[in-house]
């Protein structure tokens, strides 16, 4: 899911949150939850209702820090990985595990 540029708020289980991503797979949800918790955020996850029984399960991920904006935190390189490397947009979107900021490599992807 690409960044929307909007700072979206709402509630998960009665707690106000900043939405990080909506309608994500379980794998993506676990990745975001772990990454954000490493960076000191309290993460709340909501299981979305399925429209049809055969539809895959999706999740909404939010953080209780209402100032958090994923676009700013990723592009300002404020987030860190488990081993202390700075998170790049490609790492955030799970395109690469390398966190070197070689913008010219992804410029023409």
N, C-alpha and C. Protein backbone atom coordinates (compact mmCIF):
# COMPACT_ATOMS: atom_id res chain seq x y z
N UNK A 1 0.85 -1.18 0.00
CA UNK A 1 0.00 0.00 0.00
C UNK A 1 0.89 1.24 0.00
N UNK A 2 0.80 2.10 -1.00
CA UNK A 2 1.63 3.30 -1.03
C UNK A 2 1.17 4.31 0.03
N UNK A 3 2.05 5.23 0.36
CA UNK A 3 1.69 6.28 1.31
C UNK A 3 0.61 7.15 0.71
N UNK A 4 -0.36 7.52 1.54
CA UNK A 4 -1.44 8.38 1.05
C UNK A 4 -1.10 9.84 1.24
N UNK A 5 -0.19 10.15 2.14
CA UNK A 5 0.15 11.54 2.42
C UNK A 5 -0.78 12.18 3.43
N UNK A 6 -1.89 11.52 3.72
CA UNK A 6 -2.83 12.04 4.71
C UNK A 6 -2.54 11.42 6.06
N UNK A 7 -2.76 12.18 7.10
CA UNK A 7 -2.58 11.72 8.47
C UNK A 7 -3.95 11.27 8.95
N UNK A 8 -4.18 9.95 8.98
CA UNK A 8 -5.49 9.40 9.26
C UNK A 8 -5.63 8.97 10.72
N UNK A 9 -6.72 9.38 11.34
CA UNK A 9 -7.01 9.06 12.74
C UNK A 9 -8.27 8.22 12.82
N UNK A 10 -8.42 7.53 13.92
CA UNK A 10 -9.62 6.76 14.17
C UNK A 10 -9.52 6.05 15.50
N UNK A 11 -10.28 4.96 15.63
CA UNK A 11 -10.27 4.20 16.88
C UNK A 11 -10.10 2.72 16.59
N UNK A 12 -9.37 2.07 17.48
CA UNK A 12 -9.27 0.61 17.49
C UNK A 12 -9.57 0.20 18.92
N UNK A 13 -10.58 -0.60 19.09
CA UNK A 13 -11.00 -1.07 20.42
C UNK A 13 -11.21 0.07 21.41
N UNK A 14 -11.80 1.17 20.95
CA UNK A 14 -12.11 2.30 21.81
C UNK A 14 -10.94 3.22 22.12
N UNK A 15 -9.78 2.98 21.54
CA UNK A 15 -8.60 3.81 21.76
C UNK A 15 -8.31 4.61 20.51
N UNK A 16 -8.09 5.92 20.67
CA UNK A 16 -7.76 6.76 19.51
C UNK A 16 -6.38 6.38 19.01
N UNK A 17 -6.27 6.27 17.68
CA UNK A 17 -5.00 5.88 17.05
C UNK A 17 -4.76 6.68 15.79
N UNK A 18 -3.51 6.69 15.39
CA UNK A 18 -3.13 7.10 14.05
C UNK A 18 -3.05 5.83 13.24
N UNK A 19 -3.78 5.76 12.14
CA UNK A 19 -3.72 4.57 11.30
C UNK A 19 -2.40 4.55 10.55
N UNK A 20 -1.74 3.40 10.59
CA UNK A 20 -0.49 3.22 9.87
C UNK A 20 -0.81 2.64 8.50
N UNK A 21 -1.51 1.53 8.46
CA UNK A 21 -1.98 0.93 7.21
C UNK A 21 -3.27 0.17 7.48
N UNK A 22 -4.12 0.14 6.46
CA UNK A 22 -5.39 -0.58 6.55
C UNK A 22 -5.41 -1.69 5.51
N UNK A 23 -6.20 -2.71 5.79
CA UNK A 23 -6.41 -3.83 4.86
C UNK A 23 -5.11 -4.50 4.43
N UNK A 24 -4.27 -4.83 5.40
CA UNK A 24 -3.00 -5.49 5.11
C UNK A 24 -3.08 -6.97 5.48
N UNK A 25 -2.20 -7.74 4.87
CA UNK A 25 -2.14 -9.18 5.14
C UNK A 25 -1.57 -9.42 6.54
N UNK A 26 -1.68 -10.64 7.00
CA UNK A 26 -1.14 -10.99 8.31
C UNK A 26 0.38 -10.81 8.33
N UNK A 27 1.04 -11.19 7.26
CA UNK A 27 2.49 -11.05 7.17
C UNK A 27 2.90 -9.58 7.29
N UNK A 28 2.22 -8.71 6.57
CA UNK A 28 2.51 -7.27 6.60
C UNK A 28 2.22 -6.69 7.98
N UNK A 29 1.11 -7.11 8.57
CA UNK A 29 0.73 -6.65 9.90
C UNK A 29 1.81 -7.00 10.91
N UNK A 30 2.32 -8.23 10.86
CA UNK A 30 3.35 -8.65 11.80
C UNK A 30 4.64 -7.87 11.60
N UNK A 31 5.00 -7.61 10.34
CA UNK A 31 6.19 -6.82 10.02
C UNK A 31 6.07 -5.41 10.62
N UNK A 32 4.95 -4.75 10.35
CA UNK A 32 4.75 -3.38 10.85
C UNK A 32 4.70 -3.34 12.37
N UNK A 33 4.00 -4.28 12.96
CA UNK A 33 3.88 -4.33 14.43
C UNK A 33 5.25 -4.47 15.07
N UNK A 34 6.05 -5.39 14.58
CA UNK A 34 7.38 -5.59 15.15
C UNK A 34 8.26 -4.35 14.96
N UNK A 35 8.27 -3.80 13.76
CA UNK A 35 9.10 -2.63 13.46
C UNK A 35 8.71 -1.43 14.34
N UNK A 36 7.43 -1.18 14.45
CA UNK A 36 6.97 -0.04 15.24
C UNK A 36 7.20 -0.24 16.74
N UNK A 37 7.03 -1.46 17.23
CA UNK A 37 7.29 -1.73 18.64
C UNK A 37 8.78 -1.58 18.97
N UNK A 38 9.66 -1.98 18.05
CA UNK A 38 11.10 -1.79 18.23
C UNK A 38 11.40 -0.30 18.42
N UNK A 39 10.63 0.55 17.75
CA UNK A 39 10.83 1.99 17.80
C UNK A 39 10.04 2.67 18.92
N UNK A 40 9.48 1.89 19.82
CA UNK A 40 8.85 2.43 21.01
C UNK A 40 7.40 2.82 20.90
N UNK A 41 6.73 2.42 19.83
CA UNK A 41 5.31 2.74 19.68
C UNK A 41 4.43 1.64 20.26
N UNK A 42 3.30 2.06 20.82
CA UNK A 42 2.29 1.09 21.24
C UNK A 42 1.41 0.84 20.00
N UNK A 43 1.40 -0.41 19.55
CA UNK A 43 0.70 -0.76 18.31
C UNK A 43 -0.59 -1.50 18.64
N UNK A 44 -1.66 -1.09 17.99
CA UNK A 44 -2.95 -1.78 18.11
C UNK A 44 -3.31 -2.33 16.74
N UNK A 45 -3.84 -3.55 16.74
CA UNK A 45 -4.21 -4.22 15.50
C UNK A 45 -5.68 -4.62 15.59
N UNK A 46 -6.37 -4.39 14.50
CA UNK A 46 -7.79 -4.78 14.42
C UNK A 46 -7.97 -5.73 13.25
N UNK A 47 -8.63 -6.84 13.53
CA UNK A 47 -8.95 -7.80 12.47
C UNK A 47 -10.16 -7.26 11.72
N UNK A 48 -10.04 -7.09 10.42
CA UNK A 48 -11.15 -6.56 9.62
C UNK A 48 -12.16 -7.65 9.33
N UNK A 49 -13.41 -7.23 9.20
CA UNK A 49 -14.47 -8.18 8.86
C UNK A 49 -14.36 -8.57 7.39
N UNK A 50 -14.58 -9.84 7.13
CA UNK A 50 -14.55 -10.34 5.75
C UNK A 50 -15.90 -10.10 5.11
N UNK A 51 -15.90 -9.73 3.83
CA UNK A 51 -17.15 -9.58 3.10
C UNK A 51 -17.72 -10.94 2.73
N UNK A 52 -16.82 -11.85 2.34
CA UNK A 52 -17.19 -13.21 2.01
C UNK A 52 -16.31 -14.15 2.82
N UNK A 53 -16.81 -15.31 3.14
CA UNK A 53 -16.07 -16.29 3.94
C UNK A 53 -14.74 -16.67 3.30
N UNK A 54 -14.70 -16.74 1.97
CA UNK A 54 -13.49 -17.17 1.27
C UNK A 54 -12.46 -16.05 1.09
N UNK A 55 -12.81 -14.80 1.43
CA UNK A 55 -11.87 -13.69 1.33
C UNK A 55 -10.74 -13.87 2.33
N UNK A 56 -9.53 -13.43 1.98
CA UNK A 56 -8.42 -13.52 2.94
C UNK A 56 -8.64 -12.56 4.11
N UNK A 57 -8.11 -12.92 5.26
CA UNK A 57 -8.22 -12.06 6.44
C UNK A 57 -7.28 -10.86 6.28
N UNK A 58 -7.79 -9.67 6.57
CA UNK A 58 -6.96 -8.46 6.53
C UNK A 58 -7.01 -7.77 7.88
N UNK A 59 -6.07 -6.84 8.07
CA UNK A 59 -5.92 -6.18 9.36
C UNK A 59 -5.72 -4.68 9.17
N UNK A 60 -6.05 -3.93 10.22
CA UNK A 60 -5.77 -2.51 10.28
C UNK A 60 -4.76 -2.32 11.41
N UNK A 61 -3.69 -1.57 11.12
CA UNK A 61 -2.62 -1.34 12.09
C UNK A 61 -2.62 0.13 12.45
N UNK A 62 -2.58 0.40 13.76
CA UNK A 62 -2.53 1.78 14.24
C UNK A 62 -1.58 1.90 15.42
N UNK A 63 -1.19 3.14 15.72
CA UNK A 63 -0.36 3.41 16.89
C UNK A 63 -1.08 4.44 17.75
N UNK A 64 -0.85 4.37 19.05
CA UNK A 64 -1.53 5.28 19.98
C UNK A 64 -0.93 6.68 19.98
N UNK A 65 0.23 6.86 19.38
CA UNK A 65 0.85 8.17 19.27
C UNK A 65 0.15 8.94 18.14
N UNK A 66 -0.65 9.92 18.50
CA UNK A 66 -1.45 10.64 17.51
C UNK A 66 -0.62 11.59 16.66
N UNK A 67 0.62 11.83 17.01
CA UNK A 67 1.50 12.70 16.24
C UNK A 67 2.23 11.90 15.15
N UNK A 68 2.29 10.59 15.31
CA UNK A 68 3.01 9.74 14.35
C UNK A 68 2.40 9.85 12.95
N UNK A 69 3.28 10.09 11.98
CA UNK A 69 2.89 10.10 10.58
C UNK A 69 3.91 9.23 9.84
N UNK A 70 3.49 8.07 9.28
CA UNK A 70 4.44 7.16 8.66
C UNK A 70 5.27 7.80 7.55
N UNK A 71 4.69 8.68 6.77
CA UNK A 71 5.42 9.33 5.68
C UNK A 71 6.61 10.10 6.24
N UNK A 72 6.37 10.90 7.25
CA UNK A 72 7.44 11.72 7.84
C UNK A 72 8.50 10.84 8.49
N UNK A 73 8.06 9.84 9.26
CA UNK A 73 9.01 8.99 9.99
C UNK A 73 9.87 8.16 9.04
N UNK A 74 9.32 7.73 7.92
CA UNK A 74 10.11 6.93 6.98
C UNK A 74 11.05 7.82 6.17
N UNK A 75 10.56 8.91 5.61
CA UNK A 75 11.39 9.75 4.76
C UNK A 75 12.39 10.60 5.55
N UNK A 76 12.11 10.88 6.83
CA UNK A 76 13.10 11.53 7.69
C UNK A 76 14.08 10.52 8.28
N UNK A 77 13.83 9.25 8.00
CA UNK A 77 14.69 8.16 8.46
C UNK A 77 14.80 8.12 9.98
N UNK A 78 13.64 8.30 10.65
CA UNK A 78 13.58 8.28 12.11
C UNK A 78 13.42 6.87 12.66
N UNK A 79 12.90 5.95 11.86
CA UNK A 79 12.69 4.58 12.31
C UNK A 79 13.97 3.78 12.17
N UNK A 80 14.16 2.85 13.09
CA UNK A 80 15.35 1.98 13.04
C UNK A 80 14.92 0.52 13.06
N UNK A 81 15.77 -0.30 12.46
CA UNK A 81 15.55 -1.75 12.48
C UNK A 81 16.01 -2.31 13.81
N UNK A 82 15.80 -3.61 14.01
CA UNK A 82 16.21 -4.30 15.22
C UNK A 82 17.70 -4.09 15.50
N UNK A 83 18.51 -4.09 14.45
CA UNK A 83 19.96 -3.96 14.62
C UNK A 83 20.46 -2.52 14.46
N UNK A 84 19.55 -1.53 14.51
CA UNK A 84 19.95 -0.14 14.55
C UNK A 84 20.13 0.57 13.22
N UNK A 85 19.85 -0.12 12.11
CA UNK A 85 19.95 0.53 10.80
C UNK A 85 18.73 1.41 10.57
N UNK A 86 18.91 2.48 9.82
CA UNK A 86 17.79 3.38 9.52
C UNK A 86 16.90 2.78 8.45
N UNK A 87 15.59 2.90 8.65
CA UNK A 87 14.60 2.34 7.73
C UNK A 87 14.46 3.25 6.50
N UNK A 88 14.55 2.66 5.33
CA UNK A 88 14.35 3.37 4.07
C UNK A 88 12.94 3.06 3.55
N UNK A 89 12.46 3.81 2.57
CA UNK A 89 11.15 3.49 1.99
C UNK A 89 11.10 2.06 1.43
N UNK A 90 12.15 1.60 0.78
CA UNK A 90 12.16 0.23 0.26
C UNK A 90 12.08 -0.80 1.38
N UNK A 91 12.71 -0.54 2.50
CA UNK A 91 12.63 -1.45 3.64
C UNK A 91 11.21 -1.43 4.20
N UNK A 92 10.64 -0.25 4.36
CA UNK A 92 9.27 -0.09 4.89
C UNK A 92 8.27 -0.88 4.05
N UNK A 93 8.41 -0.79 2.73
CA UNK A 93 7.47 -1.48 1.84
C UNK A 93 7.89 -2.92 1.54
N UNK A 94 8.91 -3.39 2.24
CA UNK A 94 9.38 -4.77 2.14
C UNK A 94 9.83 -5.14 0.73
N UNK A 95 10.43 -4.16 0.03
CA UNK A 95 10.98 -4.43 -1.29
C UNK A 95 12.41 -4.93 -1.18
N UNK A 96 13.16 -4.40 -0.18
CA UNK A 96 14.55 -4.76 0.04
C UNK A 96 14.82 -4.85 1.53
N UNK A 97 15.77 -5.70 1.90
CA UNK A 97 16.19 -5.74 3.30
C UNK A 97 17.41 -4.86 3.52
N UNK A 98 18.04 -4.42 2.44
CA UNK A 98 19.17 -3.52 2.52
C UNK A 98 18.65 -2.12 2.85
N UNK A 99 19.32 -1.42 3.74
CA UNK A 99 18.83 -0.10 4.15
C UNK A 99 19.74 1.04 3.71
N UNK A 100 20.64 0.77 2.79
CA UNK A 100 21.49 1.85 2.29
C UNK A 100 20.62 2.78 1.43
N UNK A 101 20.77 4.08 1.61
CA UNK A 101 19.90 5.03 0.90
C UNK A 101 20.36 5.31 -0.53
N UNK A 102 20.39 4.31 -1.36
CA UNK A 102 20.80 4.48 -2.74
C UNK A 102 19.58 4.87 -3.57
N UNK A 103 19.20 6.12 -3.50
CA UNK A 103 17.98 6.56 -4.15
C UNK A 103 18.00 6.29 -5.65
N UNK A 104 19.17 6.32 -6.27
CA UNK A 104 19.24 6.13 -7.72
C UNK A 104 18.91 4.70 -8.13
N UNK A 105 19.02 3.73 -7.20
CA UNK A 105 18.68 2.36 -7.53
C UNK A 105 17.19 2.15 -7.66
N UNK A 106 16.39 2.86 -6.87
CA UNK A 106 14.95 2.69 -6.94
C UNK A 106 14.27 3.79 -7.75
N UNK A 107 15.05 4.74 -8.22
CA UNK A 107 14.50 5.86 -8.98
C UNK A 107 13.83 5.41 -10.27
N UNK A 108 14.38 4.36 -10.90
CA UNK A 108 13.86 3.89 -12.18
C UNK A 108 13.21 2.54 -12.08
N UNK A 109 12.83 2.11 -10.89
CA UNK A 109 12.15 0.81 -10.71
C UNK A 109 10.77 0.85 -11.31
